[in-house]
Protein backbone atom coordinates (compact mmCIF):
# COMPACT_ATOMS: atom_id res chain seq x y z
CA MET A 1 20.13 43.85 11.26
CA SER A 2 19.99 43.21 15.00
CA LYS A 3 17.64 46.33 15.10
CA LEU A 4 15.02 44.56 12.78
CA PRO A 5 11.78 43.73 14.53
CA ASP A 6 11.79 40.11 15.83
CA LEU A 7 8.13 38.71 15.87
CA TRP A 8 9.20 35.94 18.37
CA GLN A 9 10.32 38.61 20.74
CA ASP A 10 7.04 40.49 20.60
CA GLY A 11 5.02 37.03 20.59
CA LEU A 12 6.62 35.71 23.62
CA ALA A 13 5.99 39.08 25.53
CA ALA A 14 2.51 38.88 24.49
CA GLY A 15 2.14 35.32 26.23
CA TRP A 16 2.89 32.67 23.55
CA GLN A 17 3.21 29.32 25.45
CA VAL A 18 6.87 28.08 24.63
CA VAL A 19 8.93 25.89 26.83
CA ASP A 20 12.54 25.25 26.52
CA ALA A 21 12.95 21.97 28.09
CA SER A 22 16.68 22.45 28.31
CA GLN A 23 15.92 24.83 31.27
CA PRO A 24 15.96 23.27 34.76
CA GLY A 25 12.81 21.86 36.27
CA ALA A 26 10.77 18.94 36.96
CA ASP A 27 9.53 16.38 34.58
CA LEU A 28 6.92 17.68 32.28
CA ALA A 29 3.48 16.21 31.67
CA LEU A 30 0.89 17.72 29.42
CA GLU A 31 -2.31 16.76 27.79
CA CYS A 32 -3.96 18.00 24.51
CA ASP A 33 -6.04 17.05 21.49
CA VAL A 34 -3.16 16.60 19.17
CA VAL A 35 0.45 16.36 19.70
CA ILE A 36 2.82 17.03 16.71
CA VAL A 37 6.33 15.71 16.62
CA GLY A 38 8.32 18.02 14.40
CA SER A 39 8.05 21.62 13.53
CA GLY A 40 9.05 21.66 9.84
CA ALA A 41 6.92 21.75 6.77
CA GLY A 42 4.55 19.06 7.68
CA GLY A 43 4.33 19.93 11.40
CA GLY A 44 4.17 23.77 10.98
CA MET A 45 1.27 23.61 8.38
CA THR A 46 -0.65 21.12 10.57
CA ALA A 47 -0.39 23.10 13.86
CA GLU A 48 -1.66 26.33 12.30
CA LEU A 49 -4.65 24.68 10.64
CA LEU A 50 -5.63 22.53 13.89
CA ALA A 51 -4.90 25.28 16.32
CA GLN A 52 -7.09 27.68 14.38
CA ALA A 53 -9.86 25.21 14.44
CA GLY A 54 -10.01 25.37 18.09
CA LEU A 55 -8.26 22.04 18.90
CA SER A 56 -5.65 21.89 21.61
CA VAL A 57 -2.22 21.45 20.02
CA VAL A 58 1.19 20.76 21.32
CA LEU A 59 4.08 20.95 19.03
CA VAL A 60 7.33 19.18 19.97
CA GLU A 61 10.59 20.22 18.48
CA GLU A 62 14.22 18.48 19.05
CA GLY A 63 16.07 21.53 18.11
CA GLY A 64 16.11 24.93 19.80
CA LEU A 65 14.16 28.24 19.02
CA HIS A 66 16.50 30.55 17.05
CA SER A 67 14.88 33.69 15.46
CA SER A 68 16.04 36.48 13.26
CA ARG A 69 17.91 38.18 16.03
CA ASP A 70 20.18 34.91 16.33
CA PHE A 71 21.01 34.72 12.36
CA ASN A 72 24.17 36.52 11.68
CA LEU A 73 25.10 34.85 8.47
CA ARG A 74 28.05 32.85 10.23
CA GLU A 75 28.17 29.27 9.07
CA SER A 76 30.20 28.12 12.06
CA GLU A 77 27.40 29.07 14.41
CA ALA A 78 24.32 28.18 12.10
CA TYR A 79 25.49 24.65 11.25
CA PRO A 80 25.53 23.39 14.93
CA GLN A 81 22.48 25.35 15.83
CA LEU A 82 20.15 24.84 13.00
CA TYR A 83 21.10 21.38 11.39
CA GLN A 84 20.99 17.82 12.28
CA GLU A 85 24.49 16.45 13.27
CA SER A 86 25.97 19.92 12.41
CA ALA A 87 25.20 19.84 8.79
CA ASN A 88 27.31 16.61 8.62
CA ARG A 89 24.75 13.81 8.92
CA LEU A 90 26.08 10.78 6.75
CA THR A 91 24.53 7.65 5.33
CA ALA A 92 25.86 4.57 6.91
CA ASP A 93 28.79 4.08 4.68
CA LYS A 94 29.66 7.79 4.74
CA GLY A 95 29.09 8.15 1.19
CA ILE A 96 26.44 10.81 1.15
CA THR A 97 26.37 13.93 3.22
CA ILE A 98 22.54 14.97 4.24
CA LEU A 99 21.57 18.49 5.07
CA GLN A 100 18.46 18.54 7.25
CA GLY A 101 17.10 21.22 9.59
CA ARG A 102 16.94 20.80 13.24
CA SER A 103 15.26 23.83 14.84
CA VAL A 104 11.91 25.38 15.24
CA GLY A 105 10.80 25.57 11.60
CA GLY A 106 12.81 22.40 10.66
CA SER A 107 14.45 22.59 7.13
CA THR A 108 12.20 25.52 6.30
CA THR A 109 14.27 27.66 8.53
CA VAL A 110 17.48 26.66 6.41
CA ASN A 111 16.46 25.69 2.89
CA TRP A 112 17.21 27.87 0.05
CA ALA A 113 13.52 28.79 -0.53
CA SER A 114 13.07 26.89 -3.96
CA CYS A 115 9.52 25.92 -4.62
CA PHE A 116 8.15 23.42 -7.31
CA ARG A 117 4.85 21.68 -7.68
CA THR A 118 4.99 17.95 -7.60
CA PRO A 119 5.69 17.13 -11.15
CA ALA A 120 2.72 15.53 -13.38
CA ASP A 121 4.63 12.78 -14.40
CA THR A 122 5.61 11.83 -10.81
CA LEU A 123 1.85 12.00 -9.78
CA ALA A 124 0.89 9.95 -12.86
CA TRP A 125 3.58 7.28 -11.81
CA TRP A 126 2.17 7.14 -8.20
CA ARG A 127 -1.35 6.50 -9.77
CA SER A 128 -0.18 3.86 -12.24
CA HIS A 129 2.25 2.04 -10.47
CA HIS A 130 1.49 2.56 -6.67
CA ARG A 131 -2.46 2.80 -7.16
CA LEU A 132 -2.48 6.18 -5.29
CA ILE A 133 -5.61 7.18 -7.22
CA GLN A 134 -6.17 10.39 -4.97
CA MET A 135 -2.88 11.71 -6.14
CA ASP A 136 -4.83 13.37 -9.02
CA ASP A 137 -3.46 16.60 -10.43
CA ALA A 138 -6.88 18.59 -10.55
CA ALA A 139 -7.71 17.31 -7.05
CA LEU A 140 -4.36 18.43 -5.42
CA LEU A 141 -4.35 21.75 -7.20
CA PRO A 142 -6.35 23.58 -4.57
CA TRP A 143 -3.97 22.48 -2.02
CA PHE A 144 -1.06 23.80 -3.96
CA GLU A 145 -2.74 27.04 -4.51
CA ARG A 146 -3.63 27.37 -0.84
CA ALA A 147 -0.03 26.67 0.30
CA GLU A 148 1.29 29.18 -2.33
CA ALA A 149 -0.83 31.89 -1.19
CA ARG A 150 -0.29 31.16 2.45
CA LEU A 151 3.51 31.24 2.05
CA ASN A 152 3.85 33.90 -0.75
CA ILE A 153 5.24 31.52 -3.24
CA SER A 154 5.71 33.44 -6.27
CA ALA A 155 8.04 34.08 -9.22
CA TRP A 156 11.58 35.56 -8.32
CA GLU A 157 11.60 38.84 -10.28
CA ALA A 158 15.20 39.99 -9.31
CA ALA A 159 17.99 39.26 -11.67
CA PRO A 160 19.77 35.82 -10.95
CA ASN A 161 23.04 36.20 -9.24
CA ALA A 162 26.02 35.20 -11.36
CA ASN A 163 26.15 31.75 -10.11
CA ASN A 164 22.70 31.13 -11.46
CA ALA A 165 22.98 33.43 -14.54
CA LEU A 166 26.12 31.34 -15.78
CA LEU A 167 23.80 28.11 -15.75
CA ALA A 168 21.24 29.97 -17.73
CA ALA A 169 23.97 31.33 -20.13
CA GLY A 170 25.55 27.86 -20.66
CA CYS A 171 22.08 26.30 -21.28
CA ASP A 172 21.30 29.22 -23.91
CA LYS A 173 24.53 28.57 -25.77
CA LEU A 174 23.59 24.92 -26.08
CA GLY A 175 19.85 25.44 -26.76
CA ILE A 176 18.97 23.59 -23.47
CA PRO A 177 15.58 24.87 -21.90
CA HIS A 178 15.85 26.47 -18.51
CA ALA A 179 13.34 28.47 -16.41
CA ARG A 180 13.30 30.54 -13.06
CA ILE A 181 12.41 29.02 -9.75
CA ARG A 182 9.53 30.37 -7.66
CA ARG A 183 10.53 31.22 -4.07
CA ASN A 184 8.44 31.59 -0.84
CA VAL A 185 9.90 35.00 0.19
CA LYS A 186 8.26 38.34 1.06
CA GLY A 187 10.57 41.59 0.99
CA CYS A 188 13.65 39.55 0.35
CA TRP A 189 16.92 41.50 0.93
CA ASN A 190 18.66 39.14 -1.64
CA LEU A 191 21.64 38.49 0.83
CA GLY A 192 22.34 34.92 -0.23
CA TYR A 193 22.68 33.34 3.21
CA CYS A 194 19.19 31.46 3.29
CA GLY A 195 21.00 28.32 4.66
CA THR A 196 22.16 29.98 7.92
CA GLY A 197 18.57 31.20 8.76
CA CYS A 198 16.89 34.37 7.31
CA ALA A 199 18.01 37.42 9.25
CA THR A 200 15.40 39.66 7.85
CA ASN A 201 12.52 37.37 8.15
CA ALA A 202 11.85 37.51 4.41
CA LYS A 203 11.79 33.83 3.97
CA GLN A 204 8.36 32.59 4.54
CA GLY A 205 9.16 29.33 6.41
CA MET A 206 7.37 27.78 9.45
CA LEU A 207 9.26 29.95 11.81
CA VAL A 208 7.71 33.22 10.54
CA THR A 209 4.27 31.94 9.29
CA THR A 210 2.47 29.00 10.44
CA ILE A 211 4.05 28.54 13.94
CA PRO A 212 3.49 31.97 15.08
CA ALA A 213 -0.06 31.83 13.96
CA ALA A 214 -0.65 28.51 15.74
CA LEU A 215 0.87 29.83 19.05
CA ALA A 216 -1.32 32.93 18.65
CA ALA A 217 -4.41 30.62 18.35
CA GLY A 218 -3.35 28.90 21.74
CA ALA A 219 -1.04 26.11 20.59
CA ARG A 220 1.97 25.29 22.92
CA LEU A 221 5.55 24.58 21.74
CA LEU A 222 8.04 22.51 23.25
CA THR A 223 11.73 22.72 22.28
CA ARG A 224 14.77 20.76 22.77
CA VAL A 225 12.67 17.58 23.35
CA ARG A 226 14.10 14.33 21.85
CA VAL A 227 10.98 12.24 21.43
CA ARG A 228 11.94 8.80 22.47
CA GLN A 229 8.82 6.76 21.53
CA LEU A 230 5.15 6.59 21.32
CA LEU A 231 3.07 5.32 24.20
CA LEU A 232 1.16 2.47 22.63
CA ASN A 233 -1.82 0.79 24.33
CA PRO A 234 -1.51 -2.76 25.22
CA ALA A 235 -3.26 -4.00 21.95
CA ARG A 236 -0.84 -1.78 19.97
CA THR A 237 -3.61 -0.32 18.06
CA ARG A 238 -3.39 3.15 19.29
CA ALA A 239 -0.96 5.76 20.74
CA GLU A 240 -1.85 7.26 23.96
CA GLY A 241 0.85 10.07 23.40
CA ILE A 242 4.48 10.44 23.43
CA VAL A 243 7.42 10.28 25.78
CA GLY A 244 10.71 12.23 25.23
CA ASP A 245 13.90 13.26 26.92
CA ALA A 246 14.57 16.92 27.49
CA LEU A 247 18.06 17.90 26.17
CA GLN A 248 20.76 20.01 27.73
CA PRO A 249 21.41 23.26 26.37
CA ASP A 250 23.97 21.89 23.94
CA GLY A 251 20.97 20.36 22.04
CA VAL A 252 22.84 16.93 22.05
CA HIS A 253 22.84 15.33 25.52
CA ALA A 254 19.91 14.30 27.52
CA SER A 255 19.46 16.33 30.79
CA GLY A 256 17.55 13.66 32.70
CA ARG A 257 14.32 15.58 32.60
CA GLN A 258 11.42 13.45 31.09
CA VAL A 259 8.62 15.03 28.85
CA ARG A 260 5.24 13.15 28.46
CA VAL A 261 2.38 14.29 26.43
CA LYS A 262 -0.95 12.63 26.27
CA ALA A 263 -3.09 13.22 23.31
CA ARG A 264 -6.10 12.05 21.48
CA GLN A 265 -4.13 12.09 18.11
CA VAL A 266 -0.54 11.92 17.37
CA VAL A 267 0.88 13.44 14.26
CA LEU A 268 4.34 12.62 13.27
CA ALA A 269 6.08 15.14 11.07
CA ALA A 270 9.93 14.52 12.16
CA GLY A 271 10.91 14.19 8.56
CA ALA A 272 11.86 11.02 6.52
CA ILE A 273 14.55 10.01 8.89
CA GLY A 274 13.13 11.01 12.05
CA THR A 275 9.58 9.66 11.56
CA PRO A 276 10.63 6.18 10.58
CA ALA A 277 13.12 6.06 13.29
CA LEU A 278 10.49 7.05 16.00
CA LEU A 279 8.03 4.36 14.77
CA LEU A 280 10.81 1.90 14.83
CA ARG A 281 11.93 2.98 18.36
CA SER A 282 8.34 2.53 19.43
CA ARG A 283 8.25 -0.98 17.83
CA ALA A 284 5.09 -0.03 16.06
CA PRO A 285 3.14 -2.60 14.09
CA ASP A 286 4.83 -3.24 10.60
CA PRO A 287 3.41 -6.53 9.39
CA TRP A 288 4.52 -6.07 5.89
CA GLN A 289 8.03 -4.95 6.71
CA HIS A 290 7.82 -1.55 4.79
CA LEU A 291 8.84 0.89 7.60
CA GLY A 292 12.09 2.72 6.96
CA LYS A 293 12.26 1.20 3.38
CA ARG A 294 12.17 3.27 0.22
CA THR A 295 13.95 6.19 1.41
CA PHE A 296 14.98 8.66 -1.24
CA LEU A 297 17.52 11.36 -1.46
CA HIS A 298 17.95 12.90 -4.82
CA PRO A 299 21.50 12.10 -4.65
CA VAL A 300 23.48 15.19 -5.83
CA VAL A 301 26.93 15.32 -7.75
CA LEU A 302 28.48 18.71 -8.49
CA SER A 303 30.79 20.33 -10.84
CA GLY A 304 32.97 23.39 -10.43
CA GLY A 305 33.60 25.90 -13.21
CA LEU A 306 36.41 28.33 -12.72
CA PHE A 307 35.92 31.51 -14.30
CA ARG A 308 38.11 34.57 -14.82
CA GLN A 309 35.51 37.01 -13.74
CA GLN A 310 34.20 37.05 -10.24
CA VAL A 311 31.12 34.88 -9.68
CA GLU A 312 30.86 35.31 -5.84
CA GLY A 313 28.32 32.63 -5.35
CA PHE A 314 27.87 33.52 -1.87
CA ASN A 315 25.84 36.71 -2.79
CA GLY A 316 22.45 36.78 -4.01
CA ALA A 317 19.43 34.29 -3.88
CA PRO A 318 21.05 30.99 -3.67
CA GLN A 319 18.65 29.31 -6.40
CA SER A 320 16.75 31.12 -9.13
CA VAL A 321 17.43 29.23 -12.28
CA TYR A 322 16.85 25.35 -13.17
CA SER A 323 16.77 23.09 -16.06
CA ASP A 324 14.50 19.85 -16.15
CA HIS A 325 15.42 19.21 -19.71
CA PHE A 326 17.54 15.88 -18.62
CA LEU A 327 14.52 14.87 -16.64
CA HIS A 328 12.79 14.07 -20.03
CA THR A 329 15.45 12.66 -22.15
CA GLN A 330 14.79 9.24 -20.97
CA ALA A 331 11.88 7.29 -19.87
CA ILE A 332 10.92 7.99 -16.27
CA ASP A 333 11.81 4.40 -15.25
CA GLY A 334 14.79 4.25 -17.50
CA PRO A 335 18.36 5.54 -16.86
CA LEU A 336 18.05 8.14 -14.02
CA GLY A 337 17.29 11.69 -15.19
CA PHE A 338 18.56 14.85 -13.41
CA LYS A 339 17.49 18.20 -12.55
CA LEU A 340 20.21 21.07 -12.85
CA GLU A 341 20.31 23.83 -10.47
CA VAL A 342 23.02 25.62 -8.50
CA PRO A 343 24.10 25.69 -4.73
CA PRO A 344 25.26 28.70 -2.76
CA VAL A 345 29.02 28.89 -2.57
CA HIS A 346 29.83 29.66 0.93
CA PRO A 347 33.37 29.32 2.48
CA LEU A 348 32.73 26.72 5.09
CA ILE A 349 30.49 24.38 3.09
CA MET A 350 32.71 24.62 0.11
CA ALA A 351 35.79 23.77 2.22
CA ALA A 352 34.07 20.79 3.33
CA THR A 353 32.81 19.71 -0.20
CA LEU A 354 35.83 20.35 -2.40
CA PRO A 355 38.49 17.53 -2.88
CA GLY A 356 42.15 17.63 -2.29
CA LEU A 357 44.45 17.94 0.61
CA ALA A 358 46.58 20.57 2.04
CA ALA A 359 48.18 23.02 -0.54
CA ASP A 360 46.00 21.48 -3.24
CA HIS A 361 42.82 22.32 -1.37
CA GLN A 362 44.12 25.77 -0.29
CA ARG A 363 44.66 26.68 -3.93
CA LEU A 364 41.14 25.60 -4.78
CA MET A 365 39.69 27.68 -1.92
CA GLN A 366 41.70 30.72 -2.80
CA ASN A 367 39.71 30.92 -5.97
CA LEU A 368 36.39 30.96 -4.03
CA PRO A 369 35.00 34.05 -5.70
CA HIS A 370 35.58 32.71 -9.11
CA TRP A 371 33.97 29.39 -8.84
CA GLN A 372 30.46 28.47 -10.37
CA ILE A 373 29.11 25.44 -9.03
CA THR A 374 26.26 23.47 -10.74
CA LEU A 375 24.67 20.62 -9.13
CA ALA A 376 22.61 17.72 -10.65
CA LEU A 377 19.63 16.33 -8.58
CA LEU A 378 19.41 12.65 -9.66
CA ARG A 379 15.89 11.38 -9.75
CA ASP A 380 15.68 8.12 -7.74
CA GLY A 381 12.97 5.69 -6.99
CA PHE A 382 11.54 4.88 -10.52
CA HIS A 383 14.13 2.70 -12.24
CA PRO A 384 13.68 -0.92 -11.13
CA ASP A 385 17.24 -0.87 -9.63
CA SER A 386 16.65 2.50 -7.93
CA VAL A 387 14.84 1.49 -4.65
CA GLY A 388 16.42 3.99 -2.27
CA GLY A 389 17.79 3.24 1.28
CA SER A 390 16.56 1.95 4.59
CA VAL A 391 16.45 3.86 7.81
CA ARG A 392 17.63 1.72 10.83
CA LEU A 393 18.54 2.23 14.53
CA ARG A 394 21.82 2.47 15.98
CA SER A 395 22.41 0.74 19.50
CA ASP A 396 21.61 3.92 21.10
CA GLY A 397 18.38 4.45 19.31
CA SER A 398 19.49 7.15 16.89
CA PRO A 399 18.72 6.71 13.25
CA VAL A 400 21.17 6.11 10.25
CA LEU A 401 20.37 5.57 6.69
CA ASP A 402 21.59 2.96 4.57
CA TYR A 403 21.78 4.00 1.02
CA PRO A 404 23.89 1.91 -1.32
CA LEU A 405 25.14 3.63 -4.42
CA ASN A 406 24.82 1.16 -7.19
CA ASP A 407 25.68 1.01 -10.83
CA THR A 408 22.24 2.61 -11.95
CA LEU A 409 23.17 5.72 -10.03
CA TRP A 410 26.85 5.80 -10.86
CA GLU A 411 25.88 5.78 -14.59
CA ALA A 412 23.68 8.61 -14.13
CA ALA A 413 26.20 10.53 -12.05
CA ARG A 414 28.77 10.18 -14.83
CA ARG A 415 26.23 11.44 -17.53
CA ALA A 416 25.41 14.44 -15.26
CA LEU A 417 29.06 15.46 -14.76
CA LEU A 418 29.79 15.28 -18.50
CA GLN A 419 26.67 17.55 -19.08
CA MET A 420 27.43 19.98 -16.41
CA ALA A 421 31.05 20.34 -17.58
CA GLU A 422 29.65 21.07 -21.16
CA ILE A 423 27.34 23.79 -19.87
CA GLN A 424 30.17 25.38 -17.81
CA PHE A 425 32.41 25.47 -20.83
CA ALA A 426 29.64 27.11 -22.88
CA ALA A 427 29.16 29.64 -20.21
CA GLY A 428 32.84 30.70 -20.54
CA ALA A 429 34.61 28.60 -17.80
CA ARG A 430 38.35 28.61 -18.31
CA ALA A 431 38.54 25.40 -16.40
CA VAL A 432 36.06 22.78 -15.14
CA MET A 433 36.56 20.32 -12.20
CA PRO A 434 33.97 17.53 -11.32
CA VAL A 435 33.77 17.27 -7.50
CA HIS A 436 35.59 14.12 -7.31
CA GLU A 437 38.75 13.09 -5.25
CA ASP A 438 40.58 12.00 -8.38
CA ALA A 439 39.58 14.80 -10.58
CA ALA A 440 41.82 17.83 -11.81
CA LEU A 441 41.28 20.90 -13.55
CA ALA A 442 40.25 20.43 -17.16
CA THR A 443 40.93 23.46 -19.49
CA THR A 444 39.08 22.03 -22.56
CA LEU A 445 35.86 20.21 -22.93
CA ARG A 446 37.65 17.38 -24.61
CA GLN A 447 40.11 17.12 -21.75
CA ALA A 448 37.09 17.16 -19.29
CA ARG A 449 35.30 14.37 -21.31
CA GLN A 450 38.32 12.18 -21.24
CA MET A 451 38.77 12.83 -17.46
CA ILE A 452 35.11 12.23 -16.39
CA ALA A 453 34.80 9.11 -18.67
CA ALA A 454 37.81 7.52 -16.62
CA LEU A 455 37.05 8.63 -13.14
CA PRO A 456 36.05 5.63 -10.93
CA MET A 457 32.67 6.28 -9.80
CA GLN A 458 32.83 5.04 -6.13
CA THR A 459 31.61 5.77 -2.71
CA LEU A 460 33.90 8.41 -0.95
CA ARG A 461 35.82 9.13 -4.12
CA THR A 462 32.78 10.82 -5.82
CA ARG A 463 31.41 13.51 -3.76
CA VAL A 464 27.58 12.90 -3.28
CA VAL A 465 25.41 14.95 -1.07
CA SER A 466 21.71 15.51 -0.64
CA ALA A 467 19.15 18.08 0.91
CA HIS A 468 16.08 16.28 0.04
CA VAL A 469 15.04 13.23 2.21
CA MET A 470 11.74 11.51 1.17
CA GLY A 471 10.05 8.19 1.82
CA GLY A 472 10.49 5.65 4.58
CA ALA A 473 6.80 5.65 5.75
CA MET A 474 5.29 5.42 2.36
CA MET A 475 1.60 5.95 1.58
CA SER A 476 -0.16 3.01 -0.07
CA HIS A 477 -3.57 1.94 -1.49
CA ASP A 478 -3.80 -0.93 1.09
CA GLU A 479 -2.09 -1.99 4.22
CA ARG A 480 -0.06 -4.74 2.52
CA SER A 481 1.73 -2.18 0.37
CA GLY A 482 2.86 0.51 2.76
CA VAL A 483 2.87 2.20 6.02
CA VAL A 484 0.11 4.90 5.76
CA ASP A 485 -2.88 5.55 3.59
CA GLN A 486 -3.21 8.33 1.06
CA LEU A 487 -4.16 10.83 3.89
CA GLY A 488 -1.21 9.71 6.20
CA ARG A 489 -3.33 7.66 8.41
CA HIS A 490 -1.19 4.63 9.85
CA TRP A 491 -2.56 1.39 8.82
CA GLN A 492 -2.37 -0.19 12.16
CA LEU A 493 -2.43 2.66 14.66
CA ASP A 494 -5.66 4.11 14.28
CA ASN A 495 -4.98 7.43 15.84
CA VAL A 496 -1.52 8.09 14.32
CA THR A 497 -1.09 10.33 11.21
CA VAL A 498 2.25 10.85 9.39
CA ILE A 499 2.22 14.36 7.83
CA ASP A 500 5.80 14.95 6.09
CA GLY A 501 7.75 13.91 3.20
CA SER A 502 8.25 10.28 4.50
CA VAL A 503 4.91 9.51 2.83
CA PHE A 504 6.26 9.74 -0.67
CA PRO A 505 6.55 6.41 -2.36
CA THR A 506 9.36 7.70 -4.68
CA SER A 507 11.49 10.87 -4.87
CA ILE A 508 9.50 13.87 -6.28
CA GLY A 509 12.00 14.76 -9.09
CA ALA A 510 12.01 18.48 -7.80
CA ASN A 511 12.79 20.33 -4.47
CA PRO A 512 10.04 18.74 -2.30
CA GLN A 513 9.27 21.68 -0.02
CA LEU A 514 6.06 22.67 -1.80
CA SER A 515 5.01 19.13 -2.28
CA VAL A 516 5.10 18.68 1.56
CA TYR A 517 3.24 21.86 2.14
CA ALA A 518 0.35 20.95 -0.16
CA LEU A 519 -0.05 17.34 0.74
CA SER A 520 0.19 18.45 4.71
CA LEU A 521 -2.57 20.75 4.22
CA ARG A 522 -4.71 18.13 2.57
CA ALA A 523 -3.99 15.51 5.21
CA ALA A 524 -4.16 18.21 8.11
CA ASP A 525 -7.69 19.11 7.00
CA ALA A 526 -8.94 15.58 6.79
CA LEU A 527 -7.73 15.07 10.36
CA ARG A 528 -9.42 18.20 11.57
CA GLN A 529 -12.65 16.95 9.94
CA ARG A 530 -12.36 13.46 11.77
CA LEU A 531 -11.49 15.24 15.06
CA GLN A 532 -14.42 17.51 14.89
CA ALA A 533 -16.86 14.94 13.64
């Protein structure tokens, strides 16, 4: 695969303006029309649209530039290079492990390519309970269609791998509706290692689509720059730009080199932990104390099914089958519903996730090819007791998310574990084990039900993970109710726009990638019109 064309090699040779701030040099000072902090879904979509409109754009990314020639399918290299905190970002109580991207392209470089439009019931809730009247299905449809066309989002026509096919088989046996997942890929090799970076440039993330297009249109990219704060004017009504620290080649420690970018407009696209944290470090106006609050995760619980045949969940497209059935068995603001999918079953991430110690853990790992893993995404943010978490700053200015796991969530987690066990047995599993420190292999459904009913649902005993971070700078119909308006404009800073998933007032109830793409295009186009007026 190292012989495949690398568009970044060709682009850099053609003169793309990219500065790796970890290289030795003097302090860096730039000026532009728009500085964009973060190069993931929001930042990438915005950079292309504004650069192609003739605006001077500087895109600032904390992580490094890694392209297809660097992606060798090795987890041990990918996690430190491409993820926040080496794929081991934790909530404050260490109860939830969070996977977030940290390289050029952000999480779009490492996600599993699953694409869903924002569910209609989510948008209806936003309109009725948050008075976000612009979040109308018909009004948003053109933006979804535009994002889908740009990123080749379409039905996955290949047969599901065994990991996904067993989810479908179990659902079929029980009469549970399921469907195929659309994916943003083109010429996919079906390797199954999307989470370590796409070695064939098939995944149509920002790394191979909008960011190259923005650079070809004259945008500039700075990598390995940790933005420290916004440069606010004395009246604290505008941002004059950003200031950040160049990082050393390790991507962690500051080098002592400073980076300043002066801009007419600042776009924050650092994600639903990074964006609130930057505003907090900048002491941005927050008169109604909404900043960092209502941060949602789709907390995920997992169940392992052990099959006689080899499943090899490390081969083939990671996600291609889902079921939304259990999102609709309760009222949207009732007991938490959940979406069923599967994760890839790779050695390192499995070793870090499975319970047990020493020989017990070794026995579980020796069966790696025979495990089928199902996950349940819990829909948080709608039930009165599901208010999400809060982003705060550590003493060094780095962010941490407080996300208490309460009885409302634990009740849903137990229901999800019970349902996943039933589906896995229906698919032919010879044993099922919830991913819980006190769980054991159950060889019958009755035994599994008894065990799951007795398991203590507690932090650190029940394994909870997340790859979907949303909220923290929520949009609102007026300045008393949120941080930004319905186009991402900061209520108190008139030239700061937030364009990422932190604007969501609840979780999505589906993988949020496409929701960020579509709403980002909408917000970026409105910003373009304002700047060109």
